[in-house]
Amino acid sequence: MWHGGNRLARIAPTDQVHRALIRRRTFWLQQLGFLLVSKHPETEISPVAARASRWLSEEETR
């Protein structure tokens, strides 16, 4: 999904690293939002919602 995060902290100021991590954390939510706004069927939305939920839970433990 997003590569180079381990290098980012070495080459960018702290505030830029913080903003980049915030954007990274919205990735699955953006996909979910697109499906909802585009009125995709629940069969397409449910797996993405579950994946977003798992991903956000994993992010909290980091």
PDB file of N, CA and C in Angstrom:
ATOM      1  N   MET A   1       0.822  -1.188   0.000  1.00  0.00           N
ATOM      2  CA  MET A   1       0.000   0.000   0.000  1.00  0.00           C
ATOM      3  C   MET A   1       0.868   1.255   0.000  1.00  0.00           C
ATOM      4  N   TRP A   2       1.661   1.452   1.031  1.00  0.00           N
ATOM      5  CA  TRP A   2       2.482   2.651   1.117  1.00  0.00           C
ATOM      6  C   TRP A   2       3.871   2.228   1.519  1.00  0.00           C
ATOM      7  N   HIS A   3       4.846   2.529   0.702  1.00  0.00           N
ATOM      8  CA  HIS A   3       6.210   2.067   0.950  1.00  0.00           C
ATOM      9  C   HIS A   3       7.108   3.257   1.251  1.00  0.00           C
ATOM     10  N   GLY A   4       8.102   3.036   2.026  1.00  0.00           N
ATOM     11  CA  GLY A   4       9.069   4.079   2.328  1.00  0.00           C
ATOM     12  C   GLY A   4       8.833   4.777   3.644  1.00  0.00           C
ATOM     13  N   GLY A   5       7.841   4.341   4.404  1.00  0.00           N
ATOM     14  CA  GLY A   5       7.534   4.981   5.680  1.00  0.00           C
ATOM     15  C   GLY A   5       8.688   4.921   6.657  1.00  0.00           C
ATOM     16  N   ASN A   6       9.439   3.828   6.606  1.00  0.00           N
ATOM     17  CA  ASN A   6      10.574   3.696   7.520  1.00  0.00           C
ATOM     18  C   ASN A   6      11.687   4.677   7.167  1.00  0.00           C
ATOM     19  N   ARG A   7      11.747   5.115   5.937  1.00  0.00           N
ATOM     20  CA  ARG A   7      12.763   6.089   5.514  1.00  0.00           C
ATOM     21  C   ARG A   7      12.293   7.528   5.714  1.00  0.00           C
ATOM     22  N   LEU A   8      10.985   7.715   5.705  1.00  0.00           N
ATOM     23  CA  LEU A   8      10.429   9.058   5.753  1.00  0.00           C
ATOM     24  C   LEU A   8      10.915   9.846   6.965  1.00  0.00           C
ATOM     25  N   ALA A   9      10.938   9.222   8.125  1.00  0.00           N
ATOM     26  CA  ALA A   9      11.353   9.911   9.345  1.00  0.00           C
ATOM     27  C   ALA A   9      12.807  10.377   9.285  1.00  0.00           C
ATOM     28  N   ARG A  10      13.609   9.745   8.438  1.00  0.00           N
ATOM     29  CA  ARG A  10      15.024  10.143   8.327  1.00  0.00           C
ATOM     30  C   ARG A  10      15.235  11.304   7.377  1.00  0.00           C
ATOM     31  N   ILE A  11      14.265  11.555   6.483  1.00  0.00           N
ATOM     32  CA  ILE A  11      14.504  12.575   5.460  1.00  0.00           C
ATOM     33  C   ILE A  11      13.536  13.755   5.512  1.00  0.00           C
ATOM     34  N   ALA A  12      12.506  13.664   6.339  1.00  0.00           N
ATOM     35  CA  ALA A  12      11.505  14.725   6.370  1.00  0.00           C
ATOM     36  C   ALA A  12      11.347  15.273   7.792  1.00  0.00           C
ATOM     37  N   PRO A  13      10.916  16.528   7.891  1.00  0.00           N
ATOM     38  CA  PRO A  13      10.642  17.098   9.203  1.00  0.00           C
ATOM     39  C   PRO A  13       9.493  16.363   9.903  1.00  0.00           C
ATOM     40  N   THR A  14       9.488  16.414  11.218  1.00  0.00           N
ATOM     41  CA  THR A  14       8.503  15.701  12.033  1.00  0.00           C
ATOM     42  C   THR A  14       7.074  16.031  11.645  1.00  0.00           C
ATOM     43  N   ASP A  15       6.782  17.317  11.379  1.00  0.00           N
ATOM     44  CA  ASP A  15       5.404  17.690  11.038  1.00  0.00           C
ATOM     45  C   ASP A  15       4.968  17.056   9.718  1.00  0.00           C
ATOM     46  N   GLN A  16       5.878  16.929   8.766  1.00  0.00           N
ATOM     47  CA  GLN A  16       5.540  16.289   7.496  1.00  0.00           C
ATOM     48  C   GLN A  16       5.324  14.794   7.673  1.00  0.00           C
ATOM     49  N   VAL A  17       6.125  14.176   8.515  1.00  0.00           N
ATOM     50  CA  VAL A  17       5.958  12.749   8.804  1.00  0.00           C
ATOM     51  C   VAL A  17       4.594  12.528   9.438  1.00  0.00           C
ATOM     52  N   HIS A  18       4.230  13.377  10.375  1.00  0.00           N
ATOM     53  CA  HIS A  18       2.928  13.264  11.044  1.00  0.00           C
ATOM     54  C   HIS A  18       1.781  13.375  10.036  1.00  0.00           C
ATOM     55  N   ARG A  19       1.856  14.356   9.136  1.00  0.00           N
ATOM     56  CA  ARG A  19       0.800  14.513   8.112  1.00  0.00           C
ATOM     57  C   ARG A  19       0.738  13.310   7.183  1.00  0.00           C
ATOM     58  N   ALA A  20       1.892  12.785   6.813  1.00  0.00           N
ATOM     59  CA  ALA A  20       1.921  11.615   5.924  1.00  0.00           C
ATOM     60  C   ALA A  20       1.277  10.412   6.596  1.00  0.00           C
ATOM     61  N   LEU A  21       1.524  10.226   7.881  1.00  0.00           N
ATOM     62  CA  LEU A  21       0.929   9.093   8.597  1.00  0.00           C
ATOM     63  C   LEU A  21      -0.584   9.248   8.715  1.00  0.00           C
ATOM     64  N   ILE A  22      -1.051  10.455   8.894  1.00  0.00           N
ATOM     65  CA  ILE A  22      -2.498  10.692   8.940  1.00  0.00           C
ATOM     66  C   ILE A  22      -3.126  10.316   7.602  1.00  0.00           C
ATOM     67  N   ARG A  23      -2.512  10.756   6.516  1.00  0.00           N
ATOM     68  CA  ARG A  23      -3.049  10.410   5.183  1.00  0.00           C
ATOM     69  C   ARG A  23      -3.022   8.906   4.955  1.00  0.00           C
ATOM     70  N   ARG A  24      -1.941   8.268   5.367  1.00  0.00           N
ATOM     71  CA  ARG A  24      -1.837   6.820   5.204  1.00  0.00           C
ATOM     72  C   ARG A  24      -2.964   6.115   5.937  1.00  0.00           C
ATOM     73  N   ARG A  25      -3.301   6.600   7.111  1.00  0.00           N
ATOM     74  CA  ARG A  25      -4.323   5.953   7.920  1.00  0.00           C
ATOM     75  C   ARG A  25      -5.733   6.138   7.368  1.00  0.00           C
ATOM     76  N   THR A  26      -5.900   6.989   6.371  1.00  0.00           N
ATOM     77  CA  THR A  26      -7.235   7.170   5.787  1.00  0.00           C
ATOM     78  C   THR A  26      -7.463   6.279   4.565  1.00  0.00           C
ATOM     79  N   PHE A  27      -6.467   5.520   4.162  1.00  0.00           N
ATOM     80  CA  PHE A  27      -6.539   4.757   2.913  1.00  0.00           C
ATOM     81  C   PHE A  27      -7.797   3.900   2.800  1.00  0.00           C
ATOM     82  N   TRP A  28      -8.035   3.011   3.768  1.00  0.00           N
ATOM     83  CA  TRP A  28      -9.196   2.123   3.681  1.00  0.00           C
ATOM     84  C   TRP A  28     -10.496   2.896   3.844  1.00  0.00           C
ATOM     85  N   LEU A  29     -10.463   3.968   4.622  1.00  0.00           N
ATOM     86  CA  LEU A  29     -11.683   4.766   4.787  1.00  0.00           C
ATOM     87  C   LEU A  29     -12.050   5.471   3.480  1.00  0.00           C
ATOM     88  N   GLN A  30     -11.055   5.872   2.719  1.00  0.00           N
ATOM     89  CA  GLN A  30     -11.322   6.485   1.418  1.00  0.00           C
ATOM     90  C   GLN A  30     -12.000   5.485   0.483  1.00  0.00           C
ATOM     91  N   GLN A  31     -11.502   4.262   0.468  1.00  0.00           N
ATOM     92  CA  GLN A  31     -12.116   3.239  -0.377  1.00  0.00           C
ATOM     93  C   GLN A  31     -13.555   2.972   0.046  1.00  0.00           C
ATOM     94  N   LEU A  32     -13.760   2.873   1.349  1.00  0.00           N
ATOM     95  CA  LEU A  32     -15.106   2.624   1.872  1.00  0.00           C
ATOM     96  C   LEU A  32     -16.033   3.785   1.518  1.00  0.00           C
ATOM     97  N   GLY A  33     -15.569   5.001   1.717  1.00  0.00           N
ATOM     98  CA  GLY A  33     -16.366   6.182   1.375  1.00  0.00           C
ATOM     99  C   GLY A  33     -16.746   6.210  -0.098  1.00  0.00           C
ATOM    100  N   PHE A  34     -15.813   5.866  -0.972  1.00  0.00           N
ATOM    101  CA  PHE A  34     -16.114   5.838  -2.405  1.00  0.00           C
ATOM    102  C   PHE A  34     -17.231   4.846  -2.710  1.00  0.00           C
ATOM    103  N   LEU A  35     -17.140   3.666  -2.121  1.00  0.00           N
ATOM    104  CA  LEU A  35     -18.170   2.653  -2.369  1.00  0.00           C
ATOM    105  C   LEU A  35     -19.542   3.122  -1.876  1.00  0.00           C
ATOM    106  N   LEU A  36     -19.556   3.763  -0.717  1.00  0.00           N
ATOM    107  CA  LEU A  36     -20.828   4.247  -0.169  1.00  0.00           C
ATOM    108  C   LEU A  36     -21.420   5.360  -1.029  1.00  0.00           C
ATOM    109  N   VAL A  37     -20.605   6.336  -1.378  1.00  0.00           N
ATOM    110  CA  VAL A  37     -21.085   7.470  -2.182  1.00  0.00           C
ATOM    111  C   VAL A  37     -21.521   7.005  -3.563  1.00  0.00           C
ATOM    112  N   SER A  38     -20.840   6.015  -4.099  1.00  0.00           N
ATOM    113  CA  SER A  38     -21.170   5.504  -5.429  1.00  0.00           C
ATOM    114  C   SER A  38     -22.321   4.504  -5.400  1.00  0.00           C
ATOM    115  N   LYS A  39     -22.848   4.260  -4.206  1.00  0.00           N
ATOM    116  CA  LYS A  39     -24.000   3.365  -4.027  1.00  0.00           C
ATOM    117  C   LYS A  39     -23.740   1.951  -4.553  1.00  0.00           C
ATOM    118  N   HIS A  40     -22.551   1.453  -4.229  1.00  0.00           N
ATOM    119  CA  HIS A  40     -22.237   0.072  -4.579  1.00  0.00           C
ATOM    120  C   HIS A  40     -23.065  -0.862  -3.705  1.00  0.00           C
ATOM    121  N   PRO A  41     -23.280  -2.086  -4.147  1.00  0.00           N
ATOM    122  CA  PRO A  41     -24.078  -3.024  -3.362  1.00  0.00           C
ATOM    123  C   PRO A  41     -23.375  -3.428  -2.066  1.00  0.00           C
ATOM    124  N   GLU A  42     -24.187  -3.829  -1.110  1.00  0.00           N
ATOM    125  CA  GLU A  42     -23.651  -4.222   0.201  1.00  0.00           C
ATOM    126  C   GLU A  42     -22.639  -5.352   0.085  1.00  0.00           C
ATOM    127  N   THR A  43     -22.805  -6.210  -0.910  1.00  0.00           N
ATOM    128  CA  THR A  43     -21.867  -7.320  -1.089  1.00  0.00           C
ATOM    129  C   THR A  43     -20.453  -6.817  -1.397  1.00  0.00           C
ATOM    130  N   GLU A  44     -20.322  -5.628  -1.960  1.00  0.00           N
ATOM    131  CA  GLU A  44     -19.012  -5.034  -2.210  1.00  0.00           C
ATOM    132  C   GLU A  44     -18.545  -4.199  -1.021  1.00  0.00           C
ATOM    133  N   ILE A  45     -19.489  -3.581  -0.330  1.00  0.00           N
ATOM    134  CA  ILE A  45     -19.149  -2.688   0.778  1.00  0.00           C
ATOM    135  C   ILE A  45     -18.705  -3.459   2.019  1.00  0.00           C
ATOM    136  N   SER A  46     -19.397  -4.533   2.330  1.00  0.00           N
ATOM    137  CA  SER A  46     -19.124  -5.273   3.568  1.00  0.00           C
ATOM    138  C   SER A  46     -17.679  -5.748   3.700  1.00  0.00           C
ATOM    139  N   PRO A  47     -17.090  -6.357   2.675  1.00  0.00           N
ATOM    140  CA  PRO A  47     -15.694  -6.800   2.834  1.00  0.00           C
ATOM    141  C   PRO A  47     -14.726  -5.631   3.054  1.00  0.00           C
ATOM    142  N   VAL A  48     -14.978  -4.524   2.378  1.00  0.00           N
ATOM    143  CA  VAL A  48     -14.098  -3.361   2.532  1.00  0.00           C
ATOM    144  C   VAL A  48     -14.270  -2.756   3.922  1.00  0.00           C
ATOM    145  N   ALA A  49     -15.498  -2.725   4.417  1.00  0.00           N
ATOM    146  CA  ALA A  49     -15.752  -2.222   5.769  1.00  0.00           C
ATOM    147  C   ALA A  49     -15.057  -3.108   6.807  1.00  0.00           C
ATOM    148  N   ALA A  50     -15.119  -4.400   6.619  1.00  0.00           N
ATOM    149  CA  ALA A  50     -14.464  -5.326   7.544  1.00  0.00           C
ATOM    150  C   ALA A  50     -12.947  -5.150   7.502  1.00  0.00           C
ATOM    151  N   ARG A  51     -12.415  -5.000   6.303  1.00  0.00           N
ATOM    152  CA  ARG A  51     -10.966  -4.806   6.155  1.00  0.00           C
ATOM    153  C   ARG A  51     -10.534  -3.489   6.804  1.00  0.00           C
ATOM    154  N   ALA A  52     -11.327  -2.437   6.600  1.00  0.00           N
ATOM    155  CA  ALA A  52     -11.020  -1.139   7.211  1.00  0.00           C
ATOM    156  C   ALA A  52     -11.052  -1.249   8.729  1.00  0.00           C
ATOM    157  N   SER A  53     -12.015  -1.953   9.244  1.00  0.00           N
ATOM    158  CA  SER A  53     -12.126  -2.123  10.694  1.00  0.00           C
ATOM    159  C   SER A  53     -10.915  -2.871  11.250  1.00  0.00           C
ATOM    160  N   ARG A  54     -10.527  -3.956  10.590  1.00  0.00           N
ATOM    161  CA  ARG A  54      -9.357  -4.723  11.031  1.00  0.00           C
ATOM    162  C   ARG A  54      -8.095  -3.863  10.970  1.00  0.00           C
ATOM    163  N   TRP A  55      -7.952  -3.141   9.878  1.00  0.00           N
ATOM    164  CA  TRP A  55      -6.766  -2.324   9.673  1.00  0.00           C
ATOM    165  C   TRP A  55      -6.672  -1.228  10.732  1.00  0.00           C
ATOM    166  N   LEU A  56      -7.796  -0.578  11.008  1.00  0.00           N
ATOM    167  CA  LEU A  56      -7.796   0.470  12.034  1.00  0.00           C
ATOM    168  C   LEU A  56      -7.479  -0.105  13.414  1.00  0.00           C
ATOM    169  N   SER A  57      -7.994  -1.291  13.697  1.00  0.00           N
ATOM    170  CA  SER A  57      -7.691  -1.941  14.982  1.00  0.00           C
ATOM    171  C   SER A  57      -6.198  -2.250  15.083  1.00  0.00           C
ATOM    172  N   GLU A  58      -5.619  -2.713  13.995  1.00  0.00           N
ATOM    173  CA  GLU A  58      -4.175  -3.005  13.975  1.00  0.00           C
ATOM    174  C   GLU A  58      -3.373  -1.725  14.150  1.00  0.00           C
ATOM    175  N   GLU A  59      -3.827  -0.638  13.540  1.00  0.00           N
ATOM    176  CA  GLU A  59      -3.133   0.636  13.657  1.00  0.00           C
ATOM    177  C   GLU A  59      -3.130   1.126  15.102  1.00  0.00           C
ATOM    178  N   GLU A  60      -4.201   0.886  15.822  1.00  0.00           N
ATOM    179  CA  GLU A  60      -4.293   1.330  17.212  1.00  0.00           C
ATOM    180  C   GLU A  60      -3.259   0.632  18.095  1.00  0.00           C
ATOM    181  N   THR A  61      -2.913  -0.592  17.746  1.00  0.00           N
ATOM    182  CA  THR A  61      -1.975  -1.347  18.568  1.00  0.00           C
ATOM    183  C   THR A  61      -0.519  -1.022  18.244  1.00  0.00           C
ATOM    184  N   ARG A  62      -0.285  -0.267  17.217  1.00  0.00           N
ATOM    185  CA  ARG A  62       1.105   0.090  16.833  1.00  0.00           C
ATOM    186  C   ARG A  62       1.596   1.249  17.643  1.00  0.00           C
TER     187      ARG A  62
END
